[in-house]
Amino acid sequence: MPNKNPGFTIRHYCQGIGDCHLLRFEKADGNPYWMLIDCGIHTSIKGGSQIIDDIVADVFAVTKGQIDVLVLTHEHTDHISAFRASANRFADFHIDEVWMAWTESPTDPDAQKLDKFKQQALSALSGASRQLHSVAHLDEAKSAAPLREGIDELLAFSFGAQGETVRGMRDTAAGLAKKAIKYLEPAQAPLDIPSACAIRAYVLAPSRNPDYFNIVDRVGERYAMSSDENGLRIADTLSSAFAAAASTSDFTDLTAPFDPSLGTPLNGISRVVKPPKGPAEFAYLHYYGPSERAPLIASKKRVRTTDANETNQAWRRIDYDWLSSAGSLAMQLDNKINNTSLVLAFEIVDTGRVFLFAADAQIGNWLSWQDANWKMSEEITVTGPDLLNRTVYYKVGHHGSENATAKAKGLELMTSKDLTAFIPTNKADAENVHWGEMPYHSLLTALDAQCGPRVIRADDPKLLAGQAPFATPSGSIQAVRVGFVGNGGDQRRTWVEFDVA
């Protein structure tokens, strides 16, 4: 992993859906200073556990097991699944420091408030998933299939393939720190990176202002999600409903619209052969009619066929529509976690050139950078927009999704003619998990306009063939190398490495 330029080296692993980036800075004595930013893979990737085993083995071979800083950007398994405790992949590494966002600190009061929402939301969504799976075979629950699949996709970010929680992965990774765990925020001074050329790491996000956590933007239209209070209310309501519905529970749901003594349980109506006159009979005839019954709509005319809607009334029922609020809660949780991503900008002090690692930052995260500033001296103040203007390398955020790279207050501020962008996403894998279009076509068009040929995708066929996608030196790229982990042959085992300056 050579570096003979006044900059550093970046190795990106291209595991399909996930992030793992190994940075090498050369110290004044010629020895390397290693930084590993995330290491994970999405649970949907076939053979993902073995791929991560091979990636970790490659990191060990390159670094000889010495990592100076491990950066954990946020709590999603596709970023930190390598740290699953039972796998024990990093047992032979020596890791000096672990860096995380202030939002992960167990003693920070603001972080504790955010964590309360995250844990209650996860508990409620897990309950919703179990409920939806238990009735998936019923006709009246067919319409809830998209909701069930969407919740399961989100839960995959919080629970690994073996059931271990992302919180457990995070804590296992944090426990690897031999010297210190640092919880970072934009208010602190830039961190100095030991290097032959002076390099600073600015913490752009997450902000201390919780309003930014709730902002999502799609194709230029920004809108706010529900407040934290509303999200907690949804989580509490769902959790109460699950507890009240448990067969052995004497729990009283205080959020229910009627007293427990009122009404008739739906499962009681469905089991009777001849319900009593009144509401129970009406519900039985119009919402539970099995197909073998005679038509329920009386007619004196002779009919040749029977409409299924007359004999099976399940389509009228809304037994599980109340779970739809789980969809809103799932979106709030996912966007809030992404908007609390730890974002780092590395500046080569002598040249002022900046290298941006945006993790899974969504629009609220990006907008918060507009307020960030650092007073470096009496004459010099560095701002977030200033760093964007000097950015020459951009690790594209959140797999290249449509709402994860700001436009006017993001990419359009990156005006350097030397800009390069790397997208760590396999389009086919994103389609496989029904994520829509990743990378997003409008974003690709904009990146092409800003970077020219220096837009590198993890699913580029040239990479699989071991070819650099463009000649070097070019822009911020001094050299390009392509290789593979393990047995190779699979695009998800590719790595691409740049010397940048």
Protein backbone atom coordinates (compact mmCIF):
# COMPACT_ATOMS: atom_id res chain seq x y z
CA MET A 1 0.00 0.00 0.00
CA PRO A 2 2.52 2.63 -1.16
CA ASN A 3 2.30 6.37 -0.72
CA LYS A 4 5.06 8.52 -2.17
CA ASN A 5 3.01 11.70 -2.56
CA PRO A 6 2.32 14.58 -0.19
CA GLY A 7 -1.01 13.06 0.75
CA PHE A 8 -2.21 9.63 1.83
CA THR A 9 -3.62 6.35 0.52
CA ILE A 10 -7.24 5.15 0.57
CA ARG A 11 -8.27 1.52 0.07
CA HIS A 12 -12.00 1.01 -0.49
CA TYR A 13 -13.46 -2.46 -0.17
CA CYS A 14 -16.33 -3.09 -2.61
CA GLN A 15 -18.47 -5.64 -0.77
CA GLY A 16 -21.78 -4.80 -2.49
CA ILE A 17 -23.75 -3.01 0.21
CA GLY A 18 -21.61 -1.80 3.08
CA ASP A 19 -18.69 0.44 3.96
CA CYS A 20 -15.07 -0.36 4.80
CA HIS A 21 -12.28 2.12 4.09
CA LEU A 22 -8.62 1.77 5.09
CA LEU A 23 -6.55 4.97 5.16
CA ARG A 24 -2.76 5.05 5.34
CA PHE A 25 -0.96 8.23 6.41
CA GLU A 26 2.84 8.24 6.36
CA LYS A 27 4.47 9.64 9.49
CA ALA A 28 7.65 11.70 9.51
CA ASP A 29 9.73 8.64 10.45
CA GLY A 30 8.37 6.74 7.45
CA ASN A 31 6.12 4.44 9.47
CA PRO A 32 2.44 4.19 8.59
CA TYR A 33 -0.46 5.59 10.60
CA TRP A 34 -3.53 3.44 9.92
CA MET A 35 -7.18 4.46 10.14
CA LEU A 36 -10.06 2.04 9.46
CA ILE A 37 -13.43 3.70 8.80
CA ASP A 38 -16.25 1.17 9.35
CA CYS A 39 -16.24 -2.50 8.39
CA GLY A 40 -19.53 -4.16 7.57
CA ILE A 41 -21.78 -5.79 5.00
CA HIS A 42 -25.56 -5.95 4.51
CA THR A 43 -27.26 -9.17 5.63
CA SER A 44 -28.75 -9.66 2.14
CA ILE A 45 -25.35 -10.30 0.51
CA LYS A 46 -24.97 -14.01 -0.17
CA GLY A 47 -21.83 -15.33 1.50
CA GLY A 48 -21.41 -11.99 3.25
CA SER A 49 -19.88 -13.43 6.41
CA GLN A 50 -17.07 -15.09 4.43
CA ILE A 51 -16.51 -11.91 2.40
CA ILE A 52 -16.08 -9.92 5.61
CA ASP A 53 -13.74 -12.62 6.97
CA ASP A 54 -11.58 -12.17 3.88
CA ILE A 55 -11.71 -8.36 4.08
CA VAL A 56 -10.61 -8.40 7.72
CA ALA A 57 -7.82 -10.84 6.83
CA ASP A 58 -6.70 -8.45 4.11
CA VAL A 59 -6.73 -5.50 6.51
CA PHE A 60 -4.63 -7.53 8.93
CA ALA A 61 -2.13 -8.47 6.23
CA VAL A 62 -1.75 -4.87 5.07
CA THR A 63 -1.53 -3.28 8.53
CA LYS A 64 0.18 -6.20 10.31
CA GLY A 65 -2.67 -5.96 12.79
CA GLN A 66 -1.84 -2.43 13.96
CA ILE A 67 -4.73 0.06 13.66
CA ASP A 68 -4.12 3.51 15.12
CA VAL A 69 -7.75 4.65 14.84
CA LEU A 70 -10.95 2.73 14.25
CA VAL A 71 -13.84 5.02 13.21
CA LEU A 72 -17.42 3.84 13.73
CA THR A 73 -19.69 6.22 11.85
CA HIS A 74 -23.13 5.04 13.04
CA GLU A 75 -25.20 2.11 14.28
CA HIS A 76 -26.09 0.19 11.13
CA THR A 77 -24.93 -3.37 10.55
CA ASP A 78 -23.79 -2.75 6.98
CA HIS A 79 -21.13 -0.48 8.51
CA ILE A 80 -20.05 -2.45 11.59
CA SER A 81 -21.14 -6.10 11.16
CA ALA A 82 -17.48 -7.22 11.14
CA PHE A 83 -17.46 -6.62 14.89
CA ARG A 84 -20.05 -9.28 15.69
CA ALA A 85 -18.85 -10.59 19.05
CA SER A 86 -19.24 -14.27 18.23
CA ALA A 87 -17.04 -13.92 15.11
CA ASN A 88 -14.13 -12.44 17.11
CA ARG A 89 -12.51 -11.27 13.89
CA PHE A 90 -10.35 -8.57 15.47
CA ALA A 91 -8.93 -10.64 18.32
CA ASP A 92 -5.39 -10.41 16.95
CA PHE A 93 -5.47 -6.68 16.13
CA HIS A 94 -3.99 -3.92 18.25
CA ILE A 95 -6.27 -0.87 18.02
CA ASP A 96 -5.18 2.28 19.84
CA GLU A 97 -8.24 4.53 19.60
CA VAL A 98 -11.91 4.24 18.64
CA TRP A 99 -13.71 7.33 17.35
CA MET A 100 -17.48 7.66 17.45
CA ALA A 101 -19.99 10.49 17.30
CA TRP A 102 -21.08 12.16 20.51
CA THR A 103 -24.49 10.58 19.94
CA GLU A 104 -23.01 7.20 20.96
CA SER A 105 -21.70 8.37 24.35
CA PRO A 106 -23.35 6.54 27.26
CA THR A 107 -22.88 9.51 29.59
CA ASP A 108 -23.98 12.39 27.36
CA PRO A 109 -27.48 13.64 28.38
CA ASP A 110 -28.45 14.56 24.81
CA ALA A 111 -27.23 11.20 23.55
CA GLN A 112 -29.27 9.45 26.24
CA LYS A 113 -32.45 11.17 25.03
CA LEU A 114 -31.78 10.10 21.47
CA ASP A 115 -30.95 6.58 22.61
CA LYS A 116 -34.27 6.32 24.45
CA PHE A 117 -36.08 6.96 21.19
CA LYS A 118 -33.90 4.49 19.27
CA GLN A 119 -34.40 1.66 21.77
CA GLN A 120 -38.15 2.17 22.16
CA ALA A 121 -38.59 2.41 18.39
CA LEU A 122 -36.60 -0.80 17.81
CA SER A 123 -38.64 -2.62 20.42
CA ALA A 124 -41.92 -1.48 18.87
CA LEU A 125 -40.79 -2.32 15.34
CA SER A 126 -39.65 -5.77 16.41
CA GLY A 127 -43.10 -6.34 17.89
CA ALA A 128 -44.76 -5.13 14.69
CA SER A 129 -42.59 -7.48 12.63
CA ARG A 130 -43.50 -10.49 14.79
CA GLN A 131 -47.19 -9.62 14.58
CA LEU A 132 -47.12 -9.21 10.82
CA HIS A 133 -45.23 -12.46 10.29
CA SER A 134 -47.66 -14.40 12.52
CA VAL A 135 -50.62 -13.44 10.29
CA ALA A 136 -48.88 -13.35 6.91
CA HIS A 137 -50.83 -16.41 5.75
CA LEU A 138 -54.24 -14.80 6.37
CA ASP A 139 -56.23 -13.22 3.54
CA GLU A 140 -56.98 -10.16 5.63
CA ALA A 141 -53.24 -9.53 6.14
CA LYS A 142 -52.14 -9.79 2.49
CA SER A 143 -52.22 -6.03 1.98
CA ALA A 144 -49.75 -5.61 4.85
CA ALA A 145 -47.01 -7.54 3.03
CA PRO A 146 -45.14 -4.41 1.78
CA LEU A 147 -45.17 -2.97 5.30
CA ARG A 148 -43.82 -6.24 6.73
CA GLU A 149 -41.03 -6.39 4.17
CA GLY A 150 -40.11 -2.73 4.71
CA ILE A 151 -39.89 -3.13 8.48
CA ASP A 152 -37.79 -6.28 8.08
CA GLU A 153 -35.38 -4.41 5.79
CA LEU A 154 -34.92 -1.70 8.38
CA LEU A 155 -34.49 -4.20 11.20
CA ALA A 156 -31.72 -5.82 9.16
CA PHE A 157 -29.68 -2.68 9.88
CA SER A 158 -30.11 -3.23 13.62
CA PHE A 159 -29.89 -7.02 13.87
CA GLY A 160 -27.30 -9.13 12.10
CA ALA A 161 -27.90 -12.39 10.26
CA GLN A 162 -27.14 -14.33 13.46
CA GLY A 163 -29.45 -12.14 15.53
CA GLU A 164 -26.79 -10.11 17.30
CA THR A 165 -27.75 -6.49 17.76
CA VAL A 166 -25.95 -3.59 16.17
CA ARG A 167 -25.55 -2.16 19.68
CA GLY A 168 -23.61 -5.29 20.63
CA MET A 169 -21.41 -4.89 17.54
CA ARG A 170 -20.74 -1.26 18.40
CA ASP A 171 -19.85 -2.07 22.00
CA THR A 172 -17.60 -4.94 20.94
CA ALA A 173 -15.74 -2.60 18.58
CA ALA A 174 -15.46 0.08 21.27
CA GLY A 175 -13.98 -2.49 23.62
CA LEU A 176 -11.04 -2.97 21.25
CA ALA A 177 -9.59 0.46 22.10
CA LYS A 178 -6.31 0.08 23.96
CA LYS A 179 -5.81 3.78 24.67
CA ALA A 180 -9.03 5.78 24.32
CA ILE A 181 -12.57 6.08 23.02
CA LYS A 182 -13.24 9.54 21.63
CA TYR A 183 -16.77 10.87 21.16
CA LEU A 184 -16.53 13.58 18.52
CA GLU A 185 -18.60 16.65 17.60
CA PRO A 186 -18.20 19.73 15.37
CA ALA A 187 -17.67 22.06 18.33
CA GLN A 188 -14.23 20.63 19.06
CA ALA A 189 -10.98 21.68 17.41
CA PRO A 190 -9.78 19.68 14.38
CA LEU A 191 -7.77 16.58 15.20
CA ASP A 192 -4.16 16.39 14.03
CA ILE A 193 -3.25 13.26 12.06
CA PRO A 194 0.38 12.15 12.54
CA SER A 195 1.80 12.53 9.05
CA ALA A 196 4.87 13.79 7.25
CA CYS A 197 2.65 16.48 5.74
CA ALA A 198 0.35 18.26 8.18
CA ILE A 199 -3.18 16.79 8.00
CA ARG A 200 -6.20 17.79 10.05
CA ALA A 201 -9.48 15.93 10.54
CA TYR A 202 -12.53 18.18 10.92
CA VAL A 203 -15.68 16.74 12.50
CA LEU A 204 -18.53 18.10 10.39
CA ALA A 205 -21.38 16.17 12.01
CA PRO A 206 -23.53 15.25 13.83
CA SER A 207 -24.72 18.60 15.09
CA ARG A 208 -25.94 19.22 18.62
CA ASN A 209 -29.11 20.73 17.17
CA PRO A 210 -31.70 17.88 17.11
CA ASP A 211 -33.77 19.67 14.46
CA TYR A 212 -31.26 18.52 11.84
CA PHE A 213 -31.84 14.85 12.75
CA ASN A 214 -35.39 15.06 11.41
CA ILE A 215 -34.83 16.53 7.95
CA VAL A 216 -35.11 14.47 4.78
CA ASP A 217 -34.90 15.74 1.23
CA ARG A 218 -36.01 14.07 -1.99
CA VAL A 219 -35.11 15.50 -5.39
CA GLY A 220 -34.63 18.99 -4.04
CA GLU A 221 -37.75 19.11 -1.85
CA ARG A 222 -37.01 19.24 1.83
CA TYR A 223 -39.54 18.25 4.46
CA ALA A 224 -39.43 17.57 8.18
CA MET A 225 -40.28 14.28 9.78
CA SER A 226 -42.49 14.00 12.82
CA SER A 227 -41.02 15.27 16.06
CA ASP A 228 -39.25 13.06 18.59
CA GLU A 229 -42.26 13.35 20.85
CA ASN A 230 -44.55 12.00 18.15
CA GLY A 231 -42.14 9.19 17.37
CA LEU A 232 -42.03 8.16 21.03
CA ARG A 233 -45.83 8.33 21.12
CA ILE A 234 -46.08 5.93 18.18
CA ALA A 235 -43.57 3.57 19.80
CA ASP A 236 -45.41 3.67 23.14
CA THR A 237 -48.77 3.03 21.48
CA LEU A 238 -47.51 0.06 19.49
CA SER A 239 -45.74 -1.43 22.50
CA SER A 240 -48.86 -1.03 24.65
CA ALA A 241 -51.02 -2.71 22.03
CA PHE A 242 -48.67 -5.69 21.78
CA ALA A 243 -48.58 -6.07 25.55
CA ALA A 244 -52.37 -5.88 25.84
CA ALA A 245 -52.86 -8.48 23.10
CA ALA A 246 -50.59 -11.07 24.71
CA SER A 247 -52.63 -14.11 25.71
CA THR A 248 -51.24 -14.26 29.26
CA SER A 249 -51.26 -10.52 29.83
CA ASP A 250 -53.37 -8.59 32.31
CA PHE A 251 -51.92 -5.35 30.92
CA THR A 252 -54.37 -2.49 30.42
CA ASP A 253 -53.63 -0.37 27.36
CA LEU A 254 -54.15 3.22 28.46
CA THR A 255 -53.97 4.36 24.83
CA ALA A 256 -56.98 2.22 23.79
CA PRO A 257 -60.10 4.19 22.76
CA PHE A 258 -62.53 2.10 24.86
CA ASP A 259 -62.54 0.37 28.23
CA PRO A 260 -61.44 -3.30 28.14
CA SER A 261 -64.98 -4.38 29.18
CA LEU A 262 -66.47 -2.97 26.01
CA GLY A 263 -66.61 -4.67 22.64
CA THR A 264 -66.20 -8.23 21.40
CA PRO A 265 -62.82 -9.77 20.54
CA LEU A 266 -62.51 -10.31 16.80
CA ASN A 267 -61.14 -13.82 17.22
CA GLY A 268 -64.25 -14.68 19.23
CA ILE A 269 -66.54 -13.62 16.37
CA SER A 270 -64.60 -15.64 13.80
CA ARG A 271 -64.88 -18.91 15.74
CA VAL A 272 -68.62 -19.08 16.41
CA VAL A 273 -70.99 -21.01 14.14
CA LYS A 274 -74.04 -18.86 14.75
CA PRO A 275 -73.38 -15.51 16.37
CA PRO A 276 -75.98 -13.76 18.54
CA LYS A 277 -78.19 -11.11 17.02
CA GLY A 278 -76.79 -7.59 16.91
CA PRO A 279 -73.31 -6.22 16.13
CA ALA A 280 -71.65 -9.64 16.42
CA GLU A 281 -73.96 -11.14 13.80
CA PHE A 282 -73.44 -8.21 11.45
CA ALA A 283 -69.65 -8.45 11.81
CA TYR A 284 -69.79 -12.22 11.30
CA LEU A 285 -71.88 -12.05 8.15
CA HIS A 286 -70.14 -9.13 6.52
CA TYR A 287 -66.49 -9.60 7.53
CA TYR A 288 -65.94 -13.30 8.22
CA GLY A 289 -68.06 -15.12 5.58
CA PRO A 290 -66.18 -18.27 4.49
CA SER A 291 -66.31 -19.28 0.86
CA GLU A 292 -68.49 -22.35 1.42
CA ARG A 293 -71.44 -20.30 2.66
CA ALA A 294 -74.37 -19.34 0.45
CA PRO A 295 -74.28 -15.82 -0.95
CA LEU A 296 -74.87 -13.24 1.77
CA ILE A 297 -76.49 -10.73 -0.59
CA ALA A 298 -80.06 -11.90 -1.03
CA SER A 299 -81.45 -12.07 -4.54
CA LYS A 300 -84.63 -13.59 -6.10
CA LYS A 301 -82.90 -13.90 -9.45
CA ARG A 302 -81.28 -17.11 -10.51
CA VAL A 303 -77.46 -16.75 -10.68
CA ARG A 304 -75.00 -19.07 -12.40
CA THR A 305 -71.89 -18.07 -10.47
CA THR A 306 -71.11 -16.66 -7.06
CA ASP A 307 -69.00 -13.57 -6.62
CA ALA A 308 -66.14 -14.37 -4.21
CA ASN A 309 -66.68 -10.99 -2.59
CA GLU A 310 -70.15 -12.12 -1.57
CA THR A 311 -68.94 -15.26 0.17
CA ASN A 312 -65.56 -14.30 1.57
CA GLN A 313 -65.56 -10.90 3.18
CA ALA A 314 -61.94 -10.77 4.35
CA TRP A 315 -61.20 -7.99 1.87
CA ARG A 316 -63.43 -5.66 3.92
CA ARG A 317 -61.46 -6.03 7.11
CA ILE A 318 -58.80 -3.73 8.53
CA ASP A 319 -57.57 -5.95 11.37
CA TYR A 320 -53.92 -5.05 10.82
CA ASP A 321 -54.15 -1.56 9.36
CA TRP A 322 -53.32 -0.14 12.80
CA LEU A 323 -49.79 -1.47 12.30
CA SER A 324 -49.27 1.00 9.44
CA SER A 325 -47.97 3.53 11.98
CA ALA A 326 -44.94 1.24 12.28
CA GLY A 327 -43.97 2.32 8.76
CA SER A 328 -43.77 5.95 9.82
CA LEU A 329 -41.81 4.99 12.92
CA ALA A 330 -39.40 2.89 10.84
CA MET A 331 -38.66 5.83 8.53
CA GLN A 332 -38.09 8.14 11.49
CA LEU A 333 -35.65 5.72 13.08
CA ASP A 334 -33.71 5.03 9.88
CA ASN A 335 -33.37 8.67 8.89
CA LYS A 336 -32.49 9.79 12.39
CA ILE A 337 -29.65 7.26 12.65
CA ASN A 338 -28.31 8.23 9.22
CA ASN A 339 -28.53 11.92 10.10
CA THR A 340 -26.37 11.28 13.18
CA SER A 341 -23.55 9.79 11.07
CA LEU A 342 -20.05 10.85 12.04
CA VAL A 343 -18.73 12.86 9.07
CA LEU A 344 -15.02 13.60 8.72
CA ALA A 345 -13.20 15.96 6.38
CA PHE A 346 -9.42 15.52 6.07
CA GLU A 347 -7.45 18.62 5.10
CA ILE A 348 -3.88 18.66 3.80
CA VAL A 349 -2.84 21.87 5.50
CA ASP A 350 -0.14 23.00 3.04
CA THR A 351 -2.43 22.79 0.01
CA GLY A 352 -5.82 23.29 1.65
CA ARG A 353 -7.23 20.30 -0.25
CA VAL A 354 -10.03 18.37 1.48
CA PHE A 355 -11.13 14.71 1.41
CA LEU A 356 -14.71 14.13 2.55
CA PHE A 357 -16.06 10.92 4.13
CA ALA A 358 -19.82 11.41 4.56
CA ALA A 359 -20.83 7.95 5.90
CA ASP A 360 -24.64 7.70 5.48
CA ALA A 361 -25.36 11.38 6.08
CA GLN A 362 -28.76 12.49 4.83
CA ILE A 363 -29.90 16.01 4.13
CA GLY A 364 -30.37 17.17 7.72
CA ASN A 365 -26.80 16.15 8.43
CA TRP A 366 -25.54 18.08 5.38
CA LEU A 367 -27.49 21.22 6.26
CA SER A 368 -25.93 21.30 9.71
CA TRP A 369 -22.50 21.75 8.14
CA GLN A 370 -23.55 25.18 6.93
CA ASP A 371 -23.32 26.35 10.55
CA ALA A 372 -20.03 24.64 11.40
CA ASN A 373 -16.96 26.84 11.89
CA TRP A 374 -13.53 26.63 13.49
CA LYS A 375 -11.47 29.67 14.48
CA MET A 376 -7.91 28.69 13.57
CA SER A 377 -6.23 32.04 14.30
CA GLU A 378 -7.02 35.71 14.64
CA GLU A 379 -7.22 36.00 10.87
CA ILE A 380 -8.53 32.59 9.77
CA THR A 381 -11.91 30.94 10.37
CA VAL A 382 -12.71 27.71 8.56
CA THR A 383 -16.37 27.00 7.80
CA GLY A 384 -18.33 24.00 6.57
CA PRO A 385 -19.05 25.56 3.14
CA ASP A 386 -15.37 26.48 2.86
CA LEU A 387 -14.35 22.84 3.36
CA LEU A 388 -16.86 21.73 0.73
CA ASN A 389 -15.49 24.32 -1.69
CA ARG A 390 -12.00 22.87 -1.24
CA THR A 391 -13.08 19.22 -1.42
CA VAL A 392 -11.16 17.24 -4.05
CA TYR A 393 -12.30 13.75 -2.99
CA TYR A 394 -15.80 12.66 -1.96
CA LYS A 395 -16.74 9.23 -0.60
CA VAL A 396 -20.37 9.41 -1.72
CA GLY A 397 -22.85 9.18 1.14
CA HIS A 398 -25.42 6.48 1.83
CA HIS A 399 -24.74 4.26 -1.17
CA GLY A 400 -25.52 7.05 -3.63
CA SER A 401 -29.19 7.32 -2.64
CA GLU A 402 -31.41 10.17 -3.80
CA ASN A 403 -31.67 11.92 -0.43
CA ALA A 404 -28.11 11.56 0.84
CA THR A 405 -26.10 14.15 -1.09
CA ALA A 406 -27.20 17.74 -0.73
CA LYS A 407 -27.47 19.66 -3.97
CA ALA A 408 -27.15 23.45 -3.61
CA LYS A 409 -25.62 23.16 -0.14
CA GLY A 410 -23.54 20.12 -0.92
CA LEU A 411 -22.28 18.84 -4.26
CA GLU A 412 -22.68 22.19 -6.04
CA LEU A 413 -20.32 23.72 -3.47
CA MET A 414 -17.60 21.22 -4.45
CA THR A 415 -16.26 23.35 -7.26
CA SER A 416 -12.70 22.01 -7.50
CA LYS A 417 -11.74 20.90 -11.01
CA ASP A 418 -9.81 18.05 -9.34
CA LEU A 419 -12.87 16.47 -7.68
CA THR A 420 -13.07 12.65 -7.55
CA ALA A 421 -16.03 10.62 -6.22
CA PHE A 422 -16.22 7.01 -5.07
CA ILE A 423 -19.56 5.17 -4.69
CA PRO A 424 -19.31 1.97 -2.58
CA THR A 425 -22.50 0.36 -3.93
CA ASN A 426 -23.44 -2.56 -6.14
CA LYS A 427 -26.58 -1.60 -8.08
CA ALA A 428 -27.79 -5.21 -8.44
CA ASP A 429 -27.53 -5.77 -4.69
CA ALA A 430 -29.48 -2.58 -3.97
CA GLU A 431 -32.22 -3.72 -6.35
CA ASN A 432 -32.28 -7.12 -4.67
CA VAL A 433 -33.34 -5.52 -1.37
CA HIS A 434 -35.87 -3.25 -3.11
CA TRP A 435 -34.06 -0.04 -2.26
CA GLY A 436 -35.08 1.59 -5.48
CA GLU A 437 -32.42 3.26 -7.56
CA MET A 438 -28.97 3.23 -6.01
CA PRO A 439 -26.88 4.93 -7.18
CA TYR A 440 -29.52 7.48 -8.14
CA HIS A 441 -29.46 8.57 -11.80
CA SER A 442 -29.69 12.33 -11.13
CA LEU A 443 -26.85 12.12 -8.64
CA LEU A 444 -24.73 10.18 -11.14
CA THR A 445 -25.40 12.84 -13.77
CA ALA A 446 -24.35 15.58 -11.36
CA LEU A 447 -21.23 13.69 -10.29
CA ASP A 448 -20.26 13.11 -13.91
CA ALA A 449 -20.60 16.84 -14.56
CA GLN A 450 -18.44 17.70 -11.53
CA CYS A 451 -15.83 14.93 -11.77
CA GLY A 452 -15.65 13.90 -15.40
CA PRO A 453 -14.18 10.39 -15.67
CA ARG A 454 -13.24 10.31 -11.98
CA VAL A 455 -16.54 8.83 -10.75
CA ILE A 456 -15.64 5.35 -9.55
CA ARG A 457 -18.33 2.81 -8.71
CA ALA A 458 -17.81 -0.37 -6.73
CA ASP A 459 -19.73 -2.26 -9.43
CA ASP A 460 -17.67 -0.91 -12.34
CA PRO A 461 -16.90 -3.89 -14.67
CA LYS A 462 -13.41 -2.50 -15.21
CA LEU A 463 -12.65 -2.97 -11.53
CA LEU A 464 -13.66 -6.63 -11.68
CA ALA A 465 -11.23 -7.00 -14.58
CA GLY A 466 -8.52 -5.44 -12.44
CA GLN A 467 -8.32 -2.26 -14.52
CA ALA A 468 -8.18 1.32 -13.31
CA PRO A 469 -11.18 3.25 -14.68
CA PHE A 470 -9.02 6.21 -15.80
CA ALA A 471 -5.40 7.14 -16.37
CA THR A 472 -3.35 8.72 -13.59
CA PRO A 473 -2.31 11.15 -12.36
CA SER A 474 -5.67 12.90 -12.70
CA GLY A 475 -7.27 15.44 -10.42
CA SER A 476 -6.73 14.42 -6.82
CA ILE A 477 -5.70 10.89 -7.82
CA GLN A 478 -2.00 10.17 -8.20
CA ALA A 479 -2.22 6.40 -8.64
CA VAL A 480 -4.87 3.65 -8.79
CA ARG A 481 -4.52 -0.01 -7.86
CA VAL A 482 -7.14 -2.77 -7.99
CA GLY A 483 -7.06 -6.09 -6.19
CA PHE A 484 -9.15 -8.80 -4.55
CA VAL A 485 -9.60 -10.47 -1.17
CA GLY A 486 -9.91 -14.20 -0.65
CA ASN A 487 -10.41 -16.22 -3.81
CA GLY A 488 -11.44 -13.21 -5.89
CA GLY A 489 -13.64 -13.65 -8.94
CA ASP A 490 -16.63 -12.04 -7.25
CA GLN A 491 -17.15 -8.30 -7.69
CA ARG A 492 -17.88 -8.09 -3.96
CA ARG A 493 -14.31 -9.17 -3.24
CA THR A 494 -12.76 -6.26 -5.12
CA TRP A 495 -10.81 -3.45 -3.55
CA VAL A 496 -9.70 -0.24 -5.21
CA GLU A 497 -6.88 1.85 -3.82
CA PHE A 498 -5.94 5.46 -4.51
CA ASP A 499 -2.92 7.57 -3.70
CA VAL A 500 -4.46 10.99 -3.17
CA ALA A 501 -2.92 14.43 -2.86
